[in-house]
């Protein structure tokens, strides 16, 4: 098996994602799913993903980057990059899943707007 690293600056192999995390969800590519999913993120595997996952949909300014950097033994900048990559990959996967449930691009965009509207009212 090829070693995976939590971040380019952290040269410790990342552990496998914990059961029950997003990486274990077949919708985002875990548990034998065909999608590479969040588990495939270079800067979002193992402990880094486990620490950042609760902040995936956090409001601006709500992520304690400095605290996470200390816990992950890396720089705040590396945590910010990892969080950015995680959110970007999540958006891509979210769009892919929606596109698979509708018949065309216009319908996918409409469905995406609807879901975001419902979630934002939450």
PDB file of N, CA and C in Angstrom:
ATOM      1  N   UNK A   1       0.842  -1.185   0.000  1.00  0.00           N
ATOM      2  CA  UNK A   1       0.000   0.000   0.000  1.00  0.00           C
ATOM      3  C   UNK A   1       0.888   1.250   0.000  1.00  0.00           C
ATOM      4  N   UNK A   2       0.505   2.221  -0.761  1.00  0.00           N
ATOM      5  CA  UNK A   2       1.258   3.468  -0.882  1.00  0.00           C
ATOM      6  C   UNK A   2       1.038   4.335   0.355  1.00  0.00           C
ATOM      7  N   UNK A   3       2.122   4.934   0.871  1.00  0.00           N
ATOM      8  CA  UNK A   3       1.984   5.827   2.017  1.00  0.00           C
ATOM      9  C   UNK A   3       1.234   7.076   1.599  1.00  0.00           C
ATOM     10  N   UNK A   4       0.343   7.532   2.465  1.00  0.00           N
ATOM     11  CA  UNK A   4      -0.358   8.787   2.268  1.00  0.00           C
ATOM     12  C   UNK A   4       0.089   9.724   3.365  1.00  0.00           C
ATOM     13  N   UNK A   5       0.189  10.993   3.056  1.00  0.00           N
ATOM     14  CA  UNK A   5       0.643  11.956   4.029  1.00  0.00           C
ATOM     15  C   UNK A   5      -0.434  12.993   4.265  1.00  0.00           C
ATOM     16  N   UNK A   6      -0.590  13.405   5.516  1.00  0.00           N
ATOM     17  CA  UNK A   6      -1.619  14.360   5.892  1.00  0.00           C
ATOM     18  C   UNK A   6      -1.365  15.729   5.274  1.00  0.00           C
ATOM     19  N   UNK A   7      -0.143  16.060   5.030  1.00  0.00           N
ATOM     20  CA  UNK A   7       0.188  17.351   4.452  1.00  0.00           C
ATOM     21  C   UNK A   7       1.626  17.272   3.959  1.00  0.00           C
ATOM     22  N   UNK A   8       1.968  18.070   2.972  1.00  0.00           N
ATOM     23  CA  UNK A   8       3.331  18.052   2.453  1.00  0.00           C
ATOM     24  C   UNK A   8       4.353  18.370   3.539  1.00  0.00           C
ATOM     25  N   UNK A   9       3.984  19.207   4.492  1.00  0.00           N
ATOM     26  CA  UNK A   9       4.924  19.590   5.547  1.00  0.00           C
ATOM     27  C   UNK A   9       4.959  18.573   6.675  1.00  0.00           C
ATOM     28  N   UNK A  10       3.954  17.740   6.766  1.00  0.00           N
ATOM     29  CA  UNK A  10       3.892  16.727   7.809  1.00  0.00           C
ATOM     30  C   UNK A  10       4.236  15.405   7.152  1.00  0.00           C
ATOM     31  N   UNK A  11       5.378  14.870   7.427  1.00  0.00           N
ATOM     32  CA  UNK A  11       5.838  13.663   6.750  1.00  0.00           C
ATOM     33  C   UNK A  11       5.566  12.413   7.577  1.00  0.00           C
ATOM     34  N   UNK A  12       4.447  12.391   8.282  1.00  0.00           N
ATOM     35  CA  UNK A  12       4.026  11.225   9.044  1.00  0.00           C
ATOM     36  C   UNK A  12       2.869  10.607   8.280  1.00  0.00           C
ATOM     37  N   UNK A  13       2.921   9.303   7.975  1.00  0.00           N
ATOM     38  CA  UNK A  13       1.817   8.696   7.244  1.00  0.00           C
ATOM     39  C   UNK A  13       0.502   8.911   7.985  1.00  0.00           C
ATOM     40  N   UNK A  14      -0.527   9.283   7.243  1.00  0.00           N
ATOM     41  CA  UNK A  14      -1.831   9.524   7.831  1.00  0.00           C
ATOM     42  C   UNK A  14      -2.524   8.203   8.130  1.00  0.00           C
ATOM     43  N   UNK A  15      -3.216   8.108   9.269  1.00  0.00           N
ATOM     44  CA  UNK A  15      -3.954   6.891   9.576  1.00  0.00           C
ATOM     45  C   UNK A  15      -5.183   6.781   8.699  1.00  0.00           C
ATOM     46  N   UNK A  16      -5.748   5.598   8.625  1.00  0.00           N
ATOM     47  CA  UNK A  16      -6.983   5.428   7.886  1.00  0.00           C
ATOM     48  C   UNK A  16      -8.080   6.211   8.587  1.00  0.00           C
ATOM     49  N   UNK A  17      -9.063   6.724   7.817  1.00  0.00           N
ATOM     50  CA  UNK A  17     -10.147   7.495   8.418  1.00  0.00           C
ATOM     51  C   UNK A  17     -10.913   6.669   9.444  1.00  0.00           C
ATOM     52  N   UNK A  18     -11.402   7.353  10.465  1.00  0.00           N
ATOM     53  CA  UNK A  18     -12.154   6.687  11.522  1.00  0.00           C
ATOM     54  C   UNK A  18     -13.521   6.260  11.016  1.00  0.00           C
ATOM     55  N   UNK A  19     -14.030   5.104  11.483  1.00  0.00           N
ATOM     56  CA  UNK A  19     -15.384   4.696  11.115  1.00  0.00           C
ATOM     57  C   UNK A  19     -16.380   5.761  11.548  1.00  0.00           C
ATOM     58  N   UNK A  20     -17.396   5.992  10.738  1.00  0.00           N
ATOM     59  CA  UNK A  20     -18.412   6.976  11.054  1.00  0.00           C
ATOM     60  C   UNK A  20     -18.087   8.371  10.559  1.00  0.00           C
ATOM     61  N   UNK A  21     -16.911   8.581   9.981  1.00  0.00           N
ATOM     62  CA  UNK A  21     -16.568   9.897   9.473  1.00  0.00           C
ATOM     63  C   UNK A  21     -17.072  10.027   8.031  1.00  0.00           C
ATOM     64  N   UNK A  22     -16.921  11.207   7.453  1.00  0.00           N
ATOM     65  CA  UNK A  22     -17.331  11.404   6.068  1.00  0.00           C
ATOM     66  C   UNK A  22     -16.595  10.470   5.124  1.00  0.00           C
ATOM     67  N   UNK A  23     -15.370  10.124   5.473  1.00  0.00           N
ATOM     68  CA  UNK A  23     -14.598   9.223   4.620  1.00  0.00           C
ATOM     69  C   UNK A  23     -15.213   7.839   4.577  1.00  0.00           C
ATOM     70  N   UNK A  24     -15.984   7.487   5.583  1.00  0.00           N
ATOM     71  CA  UNK A  24     -16.604   6.174   5.668  1.00  0.00           C
ATOM     72  C   UNK A  24     -17.973   6.175   4.979  1.00  0.00           C
ATOM     73  N   UNK A  25     -18.426   7.324   4.537  1.00  0.00           N
ATOM     74  CA  UNK A  25     -19.736   7.460   3.918  1.00  0.00           C
ATOM     75  C   UNK A  25     -19.655   7.112   2.438  1.00  0.00           C
ATOM     76  N   UNK A  26     -20.440   6.117   1.973  1.00  0.00           N
ATOM     77  CA  UNK A  26     -20.386   5.746   0.560  1.00  0.00           C
ATOM     78  C   UNK A  26     -20.746   6.904  -0.372  1.00  0.00           C
ATOM     79  N   UNK A  27     -21.530   7.859   0.123  1.00  0.00           N
ATOM     80  CA  UNK A  27     -21.933   8.995  -0.687  1.00  0.00           C
ATOM     81  C   UNK A  27     -20.729   9.830  -1.106  1.00  0.00           C
ATOM     82  N   UNK A  28     -19.733   9.951  -0.247  1.00  0.00           N
ATOM     83  CA  UNK A  28     -18.555  10.741  -0.568  1.00  0.00           C
ATOM     84  C   UNK A  28     -17.339   9.892  -0.871  1.00  0.00           C
ATOM     85  N   UNK A  29     -17.529   8.608  -1.037  1.00  0.00           N
ATOM     86  CA  UNK A  29     -16.455   7.782  -1.563  1.00  0.00           C
ATOM     87  C   UNK A  29     -15.788   6.835  -0.617  1.00  0.00           C
ATOM     88  N   UNK A  30     -16.262   6.728   0.585  1.00  0.00           N
ATOM     89  CA  UNK A  30     -15.661   5.792   1.520  1.00  0.00           C
ATOM     90  C   UNK A  30     -16.371   4.460   1.486  1.00  0.00           C
ATOM     91  N   UNK A  31     -15.975   3.567   2.337  1.00  0.00           N
ATOM     92  CA  UNK A  31     -16.594   2.259   2.527  1.00  0.00           C
ATOM     93  C   UNK A  31     -16.774   1.511   1.207  1.00  0.00           C
ATOM     94  N   UNK A  32     -15.757   1.535   0.381  1.00  0.00           N
ATOM     95  CA  UNK A  32     -15.806   0.774  -0.863  1.00  0.00           C
ATOM     96  C   UNK A  32     -16.536   1.468  -1.998  1.00  0.00           C
ATOM     97  N   UNK A  33     -16.907   2.737  -1.815  1.00  0.00           N
ATOM     98  CA  UNK A  33     -17.580   3.471  -2.879  1.00  0.00           C
ATOM     99  C   UNK A  33     -16.665   3.675  -4.069  1.00  0.00           C
ATOM    100  N   UNK A  34     -17.229   3.943  -5.227  1.00  0.00           N
ATOM    101  CA  UNK A  34     -16.422   4.105  -6.426  1.00  0.00           C
ATOM    102  C   UNK A  34     -15.807   5.495  -6.526  1.00  0.00           C
ATOM    103  N   UNK A  35     -16.399   6.478  -5.893  1.00  0.00           N
ATOM    104  CA  UNK A  35     -15.897   7.840  -5.917  1.00  0.00           C
ATOM    105  C   UNK A  35     -14.650   7.917  -5.055  1.00  0.00           C
ATOM    106  N   UNK A  36     -13.676   8.691  -5.457  1.00  0.00           N
ATOM    107  CA  UNK A  36     -12.481   8.822  -4.628  1.00  0.00           C
ATOM    108  C   UNK A  36     -12.809   9.521  -3.322  1.00  0.00           C
ATOM    109  N   UNK A  37     -13.684  10.487  -3.372  1.00  0.00           N
ATOM    110  CA  UNK A  37     -14.208  11.102  -2.172  1.00  0.00           C
ATOM    111  C   UNK A  37     -13.219  11.897  -1.352  1.00  0.00           C
ATOM    112  N   UNK A  38     -13.667  12.257  -0.174  1.00  0.00           N
ATOM    113  CA  UNK A  38     -12.850  13.057   0.716  1.00  0.00           C
ATOM    114  C   UNK A  38     -11.630  12.286   1.196  1.00  0.00           C
ATOM    115  N   UNK A  39     -11.737  10.968   1.250  1.00  0.00           N
ATOM    116  CA  UNK A  39     -10.604  10.160   1.699  1.00  0.00           C
ATOM    117  C   UNK A  39      -9.426  10.307   0.745  1.00  0.00           C
ATOM    118  N   UNK A  40      -9.679  10.720  -0.491  1.00  0.00           N
ATOM    119  CA  UNK A  40      -8.618  10.859  -1.468  1.00  0.00           C
ATOM    120  C   UNK A  40      -7.896  12.184  -1.429  1.00  0.00           C
ATOM    121  N   UNK A  41      -8.326  13.080  -0.582  1.00  0.00           N
ATOM    122  CA  UNK A  41      -7.659  14.374  -0.482  1.00  0.00           C
ATOM    123  C   UNK A  41      -6.283  14.209   0.129  1.00  0.00           C
ATOM    124  N   UNK A  42      -5.243  14.658  -0.552  1.00  0.00           N
ATOM    125  CA  UNK A  42      -3.890  14.563  -0.003  1.00  0.00           C
ATOM    126  C   UNK A  42      -3.774  15.323   1.303  1.00  0.00           C
ATOM    127  N   UNK A  43      -4.354  16.503   1.343  1.00  0.00           N
ATOM    128  CA  UNK A  43      -4.232  17.310   2.561  1.00  0.00           C
ATOM    129  C   UNK A  43      -5.432  17.109   3.469  1.00  0.00           C
ATOM    130  N   UNK A  44      -6.175  16.064   3.262  1.00  0.00           N
ATOM    131  CA  UNK A  44      -7.356  15.863   4.088  1.00  0.00           C
ATOM    132  C   UNK A  44      -7.534  14.433   4.524  1.00  0.00           C
ATOM    133  N   UNK A  45      -6.457  13.687   4.642  1.00  0.00           N
ATOM    134  CA  UNK A  45      -6.597  12.313   5.072  1.00  0.00           C
ATOM    135  C   UNK A  45      -6.281  12.187   6.551  1.00  0.00           C
ATOM    136  N   UNK A  46      -6.692  11.105   7.108  1.00  0.00           N
ATOM    137  CA  UNK A  46      -6.342  10.756   8.472  1.00  0.00           C
ATOM    138  C   UNK A  46      -6.691  11.792   9.502  1.00  0.00           C
ATOM    139  N   UNK A  47      -5.719  12.088  10.359  1.00  0.00           N
ATOM    140  CA  UNK A  47      -5.930  12.976  11.482  1.00  0.00           C
ATOM    141  C   UNK A  47      -6.319  14.387  11.047  1.00  0.00           C
ATOM    142  N   UNK A  48      -5.770  14.865   9.935  1.00  0.00           N
ATOM    143  CA  UNK A  48      -6.111  16.205   9.456  1.00  0.00           C
ATOM    144  C   UNK A  48      -7.591  16.266   9.101  1.00  0.00           C
ATOM    145  N   UNK A  49      -8.069  15.281   8.351  1.00  0.00           N
ATOM    146  CA  UNK A  49      -9.490  15.256   7.994  1.00  0.00           C
ATOM    147  C   UNK A  49     -10.354  15.123   9.234  1.00  0.00           C
ATOM    148  N   UNK A  50      -9.957  14.276  10.150  1.00  0.00           N
ATOM    149  CA  UNK A  50     -10.714  14.071  11.386  1.00  0.00           C
ATOM    150  C   UNK A  50     -10.852  15.381  12.152  1.00  0.00           C
ATOM    151  N   UNK A  51      -9.775  16.171  12.205  1.00  0.00           N
ATOM    152  CA  UNK A  51      -9.798  17.442  12.932  1.00  0.00           C
ATOM    153  C   UNK A  51     -10.588  18.523  12.187  1.00  0.00           C
ATOM    154  N   UNK A  52     -10.520  18.517  10.850  1.00  0.00           N
ATOM    155  CA  UNK A  52     -11.178  19.571  10.070  1.00  0.00           C
ATOM    156  C   UNK A  52     -12.645  19.280   9.757  1.00  0.00           C
ATOM    157  N   UNK A  53     -13.023  18.030   9.743  1.00  0.00           N
ATOM    158  CA  UNK A  53     -14.387  17.634   9.358  1.00  0.00           C
ATOM    159  C   UNK A  53     -15.484  18.403  10.088  1.00  0.00           C
ATOM    160  N   UNK A  54     -15.382  18.628  11.408  1.00  0.00           N
ATOM    161  CA  UNK A  54     -16.445  19.373  12.092  1.00  0.00           C
ATOM    162  C   UNK A  54     -16.608  20.810  11.590  1.00  0.00           C
ATOM    163  N   UNK A  55     -15.585  21.333  10.920  1.00  0.00           N
ATOM    164  CA  UNK A  55     -15.616  22.722  10.450  1.00  0.00           C
ATOM    165  C   UNK A  55     -15.915  22.831   8.961  1.00  0.00           C
ATOM    166  N   UNK A  56     -16.298  21.733   8.343  1.00  0.00           N
ATOM    167  CA  UNK A  56     -16.530  21.701   6.903  1.00  0.00           C
ATOM    168  C   UNK A  56     -17.517  22.776   6.451  1.00  0.00           C
ATOM    169  N   UNK A  57     -18.552  22.991   7.213  1.00  0.00           N
ATOM    170  CA  UNK A  57     -19.563  23.983   6.836  1.00  0.00           C
ATOM    171  C   UNK A  57     -19.601  25.157   7.819  1.00  0.00           C
ATOM    172  N   UNK A  58     -18.503  25.389   8.513  1.00  0.00           N
ATOM    173  CA  UNK A  58     -18.447  26.457   9.512  1.00  0.00           C
ATOM    174  C   UNK A  58     -18.544  27.832   8.873  1.00  0.00           C
ATOM    175  N   UNK A  59     -19.072  28.753   9.635  1.00  0.00           N
ATOM    176  CA  UNK A  59     -19.160  30.147   9.204  1.00  0.00           C
ATOM    177  C   UNK A  59     -17.755  30.748   9.130  1.00  0.00           C
ATOM    178  N   UNK A  60     -17.624  31.790   8.345  1.00  0.00           N
ATOM    179  CA  UNK A  60     -16.344  32.495   8.225  1.00  0.00           C
ATOM    180  C   UNK A  60     -15.888  32.948   9.614  1.00  0.00           C
ATOM    181  N   UNK A  61     -14.641  32.686   9.927  1.00  0.00           N
ATOM    182  CA  UNK A  61     -14.076  33.086  11.206  1.00  0.00           C
ATOM    183  C   UNK A  61     -14.309  32.099  12.340  1.00  0.00           C
ATOM    184  N   UNK A  62     -15.031  31.012  12.072  1.00  0.00           N
ATOM    185  CA  UNK A  62     -15.366  30.064  13.141  1.00  0.00           C
ATOM    186  C   UNK A  62     -14.353  28.930  13.287  1.00  0.00           C
ATOM    187  N   UNK A  63     -13.391  28.839  12.398  1.00  0.00           N
ATOM    188  CA  UNK A  63     -12.420  27.752  12.464  1.00  0.00           C
ATOM    189  C   UNK A  63     -11.216  28.208  13.289  1.00  0.00           C
ATOM    190  N   UNK A  64     -10.903  27.492  14.358  1.00  0.00           N
ATOM    191  CA  UNK A  64      -9.760  27.871  15.196  1.00  0.00           C
ATOM    192  C   UNK A  64      -8.446  27.356  14.599  1.00  0.00           C
ATOM    193  N   UNK A  65      -7.982  28.023  13.552  1.00  0.00           N
ATOM    194  CA  UNK A  65      -6.804  27.563  12.815  1.00  0.00           C
ATOM    195  C   UNK A  65      -5.572  27.379  13.713  1.00  0.00           C
ATOM    196  N   UNK A  66      -5.325  28.341  14.591  1.00  0.00           N
ATOM    197  CA  UNK A  66      -4.138  28.260  15.451  1.00  0.00           C
ATOM    198  C   UNK A  66      -4.218  27.042  16.370  1.00  0.00           C
ATOM    199  N   UNK A  67      -5.393  26.809  16.940  1.00  0.00           N
ATOM    200  CA  UNK A  67      -5.590  25.653  17.825  1.00  0.00           C
ATOM    201  C   UNK A  67      -5.413  24.339  17.059  1.00  0.00           C
ATOM    202  N   UNK A  68      -5.970  24.274  15.855  1.00  0.00           N
ATOM    203  CA  UNK A  68      -5.828  23.075  15.033  1.00  0.00           C
ATOM    204  C   UNK A  68      -4.375  22.854  14.632  1.00  0.00           C
ATOM    205  N   UNK A  69      -3.666  23.934  14.331  1.00  0.00           N
ATOM    206  CA  UNK A  69      -2.257  23.819  13.952  1.00  0.00           C
ATOM    207  C   UNK A  69      -1.441  23.217  15.094  1.00  0.00           C
ATOM    208  N   UNK A  70      -1.717  23.647  16.306  1.00  0.00           N
ATOM    209  CA  UNK A  70      -1.010  23.077  17.463  1.00  0.00           C
ATOM    210  C   UNK A  70      -1.325  21.594  17.610  1.00  0.00           C
ATOM    211  N   UNK A  71      -2.591  21.244  17.486  1.00  0.00           N
ATOM    212  CA  UNK A  71      -3.006  19.853  17.638  1.00  0.00           C
ATOM    213  C   UNK A  71      -2.403  18.966  16.547  1.00  0.00           C
ATOM    214  N   UNK A  72      -2.264  19.509  15.341  1.00  0.00           N
ATOM    215  CA  UNK A  72      -1.732  18.732  14.214  1.00  0.00           C
ATOM    216  C   UNK A  72      -0.216  18.880  14.073  1.00  0.00           C
ATOM    217  N   UNK A  73       0.377  19.687  14.933  1.00  0.00           N
ATOM    218  CA  UNK A  73       1.819  19.926  14.917  1.00  0.00           C
ATOM    219  C   UNK A  73       2.303  20.415  13.550  1.00  0.00           C
ATOM    220  N   UNK A  74       1.622  21.448  13.065  1.00  0.00           N
ATOM    221  CA  UNK A  74       1.974  22.053  11.785  1.00  0.00           C
ATOM    222  C   UNK A  74       1.726  23.548  11.866  1.00  0.00           C
ATOM    223  N   UNK A  75       1.894  24.227  10.771  1.00  0.00           N
ATOM    224  CA  UNK A  75       1.679  25.678  10.760  1.00  0.00           C
ATOM    225  C   UNK A  75       0.210  26.008  10.538  1.00  0.00           C
ATOM    226  N   UNK A  76      -0.157  27.189  10.946  1.00  0.00           N
ATOM    227  CA  UNK A  76      -1.517  27.665  10.725  1.00  0.00           C
ATOM    228  C   UNK A  76      -1.813  27.746   9.225  1.00  0.00           C
ATOM    229  N   UNK A  77      -0.813  28.158   8.455  1.00  0.00           N
ATOM    230  CA  UNK A  77      -0.987  28.229   7.003  1.00  0.00           C
ATOM    231  C   UNK A  77      -1.296  26.870   6.394  1.00  0.00           C
ATOM    232  N   UNK A  78      -0.615  25.832   6.875  1.00  0.00           N
ATOM    233  CA  UNK A  78      -0.864  24.480   6.364  1.00  0.00           C
ATOM    234  C   UNK A  78      -2.284  24.027   6.691  1.00  0.00           C
ATOM    235  N   UNK A  79      -2.781  24.403   7.868  1.00  0.00           N
ATOM    236  CA  UNK A  79      -4.152  24.051   8.247  1.00  0.00           C
ATOM    237  C   UNK A  79      -5.141  24.804   7.360  1.00  0.00           C
ATOM    238  N   UNK A  80      -4.861  26.075   7.090  1.00  0.00           N
ATOM    239  CA  UNK A  80      -5.748  26.854   6.218  1.00  0.00           C
ATOM    240  C   UNK A  80      -5.820  26.247   4.810  1.00  0.00           C
ATOM    241  N   UNK A  81      -4.680  25.827   4.297  1.00  0.00           N
ATOM    242  CA  UNK A  81      -4.643  25.199   2.969  1.00  0.00           C
ATOM    243  C   UNK A  81      -5.418  23.891   2.987  1.00  0.00           C
ATOM    244  N   UNK A  82      -5.210  23.079   4.019  1.00  0.00           N
ATOM    245  CA  UNK A  82      -5.918  21.807   4.121  1.00  0.00           C
ATOM    246  C   UNK A  82      -7.428  22.024   4.219  1.00  0.00           C
ATOM    247  N   UNK A  83      -7.859  23.031   4.984  1.00  0.00           N
ATOM    248  CA  UNK A  83      -9.285  23.332   5.111  1.00  0.00           C
ATOM    249  C   UNK A  83      -9.857  23.796   3.771  1.00  0.00           C
ATOM    250  N   UNK A  84      -9.102  24.632   3.072  1.00  0.00           N
ATOM    251  CA  UNK A  84      -9.534  25.109   1.756  1.00  0.00           C
ATOM    252  C   UNK A  84      -9.714  23.936   0.790  1.00  0.00           C
ATOM    253  N   UNK A  85      -8.738  23.035   0.761  1.00  0.00           N
ATOM    254  CA  UNK A  85      -8.816  21.864  -0.125  1.00  0.00           C
ATOM    255  C   UNK A  85      -9.984  20.956   0.244  1.00  0.00           C
ATOM    256  N   UNK A  86     -10.216  20.792   1.535  1.00  0.00           N
ATOM    257  CA  UNK A  86     -11.328  19.964   1.992  1.00  0.00           C
ATOM    258  C   UNK A  86     -12.662  20.553   1.545  1.00  0.00           C
ATOM    259  N   UNK A  87     -12.847  21.852   1.747  1.00  0.00           N
ATOM    260  CA  UNK A  87     -14.105  22.492   1.335  1.00  0.00           C
ATOM    261  C   UNK A  87     -14.282  22.439  -0.181  1.00  0.00           C
ATOM    262  N   UNK A  88     -13.204  22.662  -0.914  1.00  0.00           N
ATOM    263  CA  UNK A  88     -13.266  22.609  -2.379  1.00  0.00           C
ATOM    264  C   UNK A  88     -13.670  21.211  -2.851  1.00  0.00           C
ATOM    265  N   UNK A  89     -13.036  20.180  -2.301  1.00  0.00           N
ATOM    266  CA  UNK A  89     -13.354  18.809  -2.703  1.00  0.00           C
ATOM    267  C   UNK A  89     -14.775  18.448  -2.311  1.00  0.00           C
ATOM    268  N   UNK A  90     -15.224  18.905  -1.137  1.00  0.00           N
ATOM    269  CA  UNK A  90     -16.594  18.634  -0.713  1.00  0.00           C
ATOM    270  C   UNK A  90     -17.585  19.259  -1.686  1.00  0.00           C
ATOM    271  N   UNK A  91     -17.325  20.506  -2.125  1.00  0.00           N
ATOM    272  CA  UNK A  91     -18.208  21.152  -3.109  1.00  0.00           C
ATOM    273  C   UNK A  91     -18.269  20.344  -4.398  1.00  0.00           C
ATOM    274  N   UNK A  92     -17.111  19.874  -4.860  1.00  0.00           N
ATOM    275  CA  UNK A  92     -17.064  19.069  -6.090  1.00  0.00           C
ATOM    276  C   UNK A  92     -17.891  17.795  -5.942  1.00  0.00           C
ATOM    277  N   UNK A  93     -17.722  17.110  -4.831  1.00  0.00           N
ATOM    278  CA  UNK A  93     -18.466  15.871  -4.591  1.00  0.00           C
ATOM    279  C   UNK A  93     -19.957  16.137  -4.466  1.00  0.00           C
ATOM    280  N   UNK A  94     -20.301  17.216  -3.792  1.00  0.00           N
ATOM    281  CA  UNK A  94     -21.704  17.593  -3.621  1.00  0.00           C
ATOM    282  C   UNK A  94     -22.351  17.807  -4.989  1.00  0.00           C
ATOM    283  N   UNK A  95     -21.664  18.517  -5.856  1.00  0.00           N
ATOM    284  CA  UNK A  95     -22.167  18.761  -7.213  1.00  0.00           C
ATOM    285  C   UNK A  95     -22.278  17.456  -8.010  1.00  0.00           C
ATOM    286  N   UNK A  96     -21.298  16.567  -7.874  1.00  0.00           N
ATOM    287  CA  UNK A  96     -21.332  15.278  -8.578  1.00  0.00           C
ATOM    288  C   UNK A  96     -22.537  14.453  -8.167  1.00  0.00           C
ATOM    289  N   UNK A  97     -22.785  14.389  -6.866  1.00  0.00           N
ATOM    290  CA  UNK A  97     -23.905  13.596  -6.364  1.00  0.00           C
ATOM    291  C   UNK A  97     -25.221  14.173  -6.864  1.00  0.00           C
ATOM    292  N   UNK A  98     -25.361  15.483  -6.835  1.00  0.00           N
ATOM    293  CA  UNK A  98     -26.585  16.115  -7.336  1.00  0.00           C
ATOM    294  C   UNK A  98     -26.747  15.837  -8.825  1.00  0.00           C
ATOM    295  N   UNK A  99     -25.683  15.957  -9.587  1.00  0.00           N
ATOM    296  CA  UNK A  99     -25.744  15.725 -11.035  1.00  0.00           C
ATOM    297  C   UNK A  99     -26.190  14.297 -11.364  1.00  0.00           C
ATOM    298  N   UNK A 100     -25.853  13.351 -10.503  1.00  0.00           N
ATOM    299  CA  UNK A 100     -26.247  11.959 -10.731  1.00  0.00           C
ATOM    300  C   UNK A 100     -27.735  11.723 -10.480  1.00  0.00           C
ATOM    301  N   UNK A 101     -28.383  12.653  -9.789  1.00  0.00           N
ATOM    302  CA  UNK A 101     -29.792  12.449  -9.429  1.00  0.00           C
ATOM    303  C   UNK A 101     -30.760  13.164 -10.368  1.00  0.00           C
ATOM    304  N   UNK A 102     -30.254  13.943 -11.308  1.00  0.00           N
ATOM    305  CA  UNK A 102     -31.106  14.699 -12.227  1.00  0.00           C
ATOM    306  C   UNK A 102     -30.706  14.407 -13.664  1.00  0.00           C
ATOM    307  N   UNK A 103     -31.473  14.951 -14.606  1.00  0.00           N
ATOM    308  CA  UNK A 103     -31.251  14.593 -16.011  1.00  0.00           C
ATOM    309  C   UNK A 103     -30.345  15.550 -16.794  1.00  0.00           C
ATOM    310  N   UNK A 104     -30.077  16.734 -16.291  1.00  0.00           N
ATOM    311  CA  UNK A 104     -29.246  17.659 -17.056  1.00  0.00           C
ATOM    312  C   UNK A 104     -28.590  18.709 -16.194  1.00  0.00           C
ATOM    313  N   UNK A 105     -27.712  19.497 -16.820  1.00  0.00           N
ATOM    314  CA  UNK A 105     -26.946  20.515 -16.101  1.00  0.00           C
ATOM    315  C   UNK A 105     -27.837  21.605 -15.511  1.00  0.00           C
ATOM    316  N   UNK A 106     -28.837  22.050 -16.263  1.00  0.00           N
ATOM    317  CA  UNK A 106     -29.734  23.099 -15.756  1.00  0.00           C
ATOM    318  C   UNK A 106     -30.509  22.609 -14.549  1.00  0.00           C
ATOM    319  N   UNK A 107     -30.984  21.383 -14.627  1.00  0.00           N
ATOM    320  CA  UNK A 107     -31.729  20.798 -13.514  1.00  0.00           C
ATOM    321  C   UNK A 107     -30.811  20.614 -12.292  1.00  0.00           C
ATOM    322  N   UNK A 108     -29.556  20.259 -12.536  1.00  0.00           N
ATOM    323  CA  UNK A 108     -28.594  20.091 -11.444  1.00  0.00           C
ATOM    324  C   UNK A 108     -28.357  21.422 -10.735  1.00  0.00           C
ATOM    325  N   UNK A 109     -28.198  22.499 -11.506  1.00  0.00           N
ATOM    326  CA  UNK A 109     -27.993  23.817 -10.903  1.00  0.00           C
ATOM    327  C   UNK A 109     -29.211  24.251 -10.100  1.00  0.00           C
ATOM    328  N   UNK A 110     -30.405  23.994 -10.629  1.00  0.00           N
ATOM    329  CA  UNK A 110     -31.636  24.344  -9.914  1.00  0.00           C
ATOM    330  C   UNK A 110     -31.737  23.548  -8.611  1.00  0.00           C
ATOM    331  N   UNK A 111     -31.411  22.266  -8.673  1.00  0.00           N
ATOM    332  CA  UNK A 111     -31.456  21.426  -7.482  1.00  0.00           C
ATOM    333  C   UNK A 111     -30.427  21.893  -6.451  1.00  0.00           C
ATOM    334  N   UNK A 112     -29.247  22.257  -6.917  1.00  0.00           N
ATOM    335  CA  UNK A 112     -28.206  22.755  -6.028  1.00  0.00           C
ATOM    336  C   UNK A 112     -28.668  24.031  -5.323  1.00  0.00           C
ATOM    337  N   UNK A 113     -29.233  24.959  -6.069  1.00  0.00           N
ATOM    338  CA  UNK A 113     -29.740  26.197  -5.468  1.00  0.00           C
ATOM    339  C   UNK A 113     -30.828  25.898  -4.439  1.00  0.00           C
ATOM    340  N   UNK A 114     -31.714  24.954  -4.762  1.00  0.00           N
ATOM    341  CA  UNK A 114     -32.790  24.588  -3.847  1.00  0.00           C
ATOM    342  C   UNK A 114     -32.224  24.009  -2.542  1.00  0.00           C
ATOM    343  N   UNK A 115     -31.296  23.077  -2.650  1.00  0.00           N
ATOM    344  CA  UNK A 115     -30.716  22.446  -1.465  1.00  0.00           C
ATOM    345  C   UNK A 115     -29.984  23.473  -0.614  1.00  0.00           C
ATOM    346  N   UNK A 116     -29.212  24.330  -1.237  1.00  0.00           N
ATOM    347  CA  UNK A 116     -28.487  25.366  -0.481  1.00  0.00           C
ATOM    348  C   UNK A 116     -29.477  26.304   0.206  1.00  0.00           C
ATOM    349  N   UNK A 117     -30.562  26.649  -0.476  1.00  0.00           N
ATOM    350  CA  UNK A 117     -31.589  27.501   0.120  1.00  0.00           C
ATOM    351  C   UNK A 117     -32.229  26.856   1.348  1.00  0.00           C
ATOM    352  N   UNK A 118     -32.541  25.580   1.231  1.00  0.00           N
ATOM    353  CA  UNK A 118     -33.143  24.854   2.357  1.00  0.00           C
ATOM    354  C   UNK A 118     -32.165  24.771   3.528  1.00  0.00           C
ATOM    355  N   UNK A 119     -30.917  24.448   3.240  1.00  0.00           N
ATOM    356  CA  UNK A 119     -29.918  24.327   4.301  1.00  0.00           C
ATOM    357  C   UNK A 119     -29.616  25.669   4.971  1.00  0.00           C
ATOM    358  N   UNK A 120     -29.653  26.746   4.209  1.00  0.00           N
ATOM    359  CA  UNK A 120     -29.330  28.049   4.778  1.00  0.00           C
ATOM    360  C   UNK A 120     -30.444  28.567   5.688  1.00  0.00           C
ATOM    361  N   UNK A 121     -31.648  28.054   5.513  1.00  0.00           N
ATOM    362  CA  UNK A 121     -32.761  28.434   6.394  1.00  0.00           C
ATOM    363  C   UNK A 121     -32.670  27.730   7.742  1.00  0.00           C
ATOM    364  N   UNK A 122     -31.959  26.593   7.751  1.00  0.00           N
ATOM    365  CA  UNK A 122     -31.793  25.678   8.842  1.00  0.00           C
ATOM    366  C   UNK A 122     -31.877  26.148  10.187  1.00  0.00           C
TER     367      UNK A 122
END
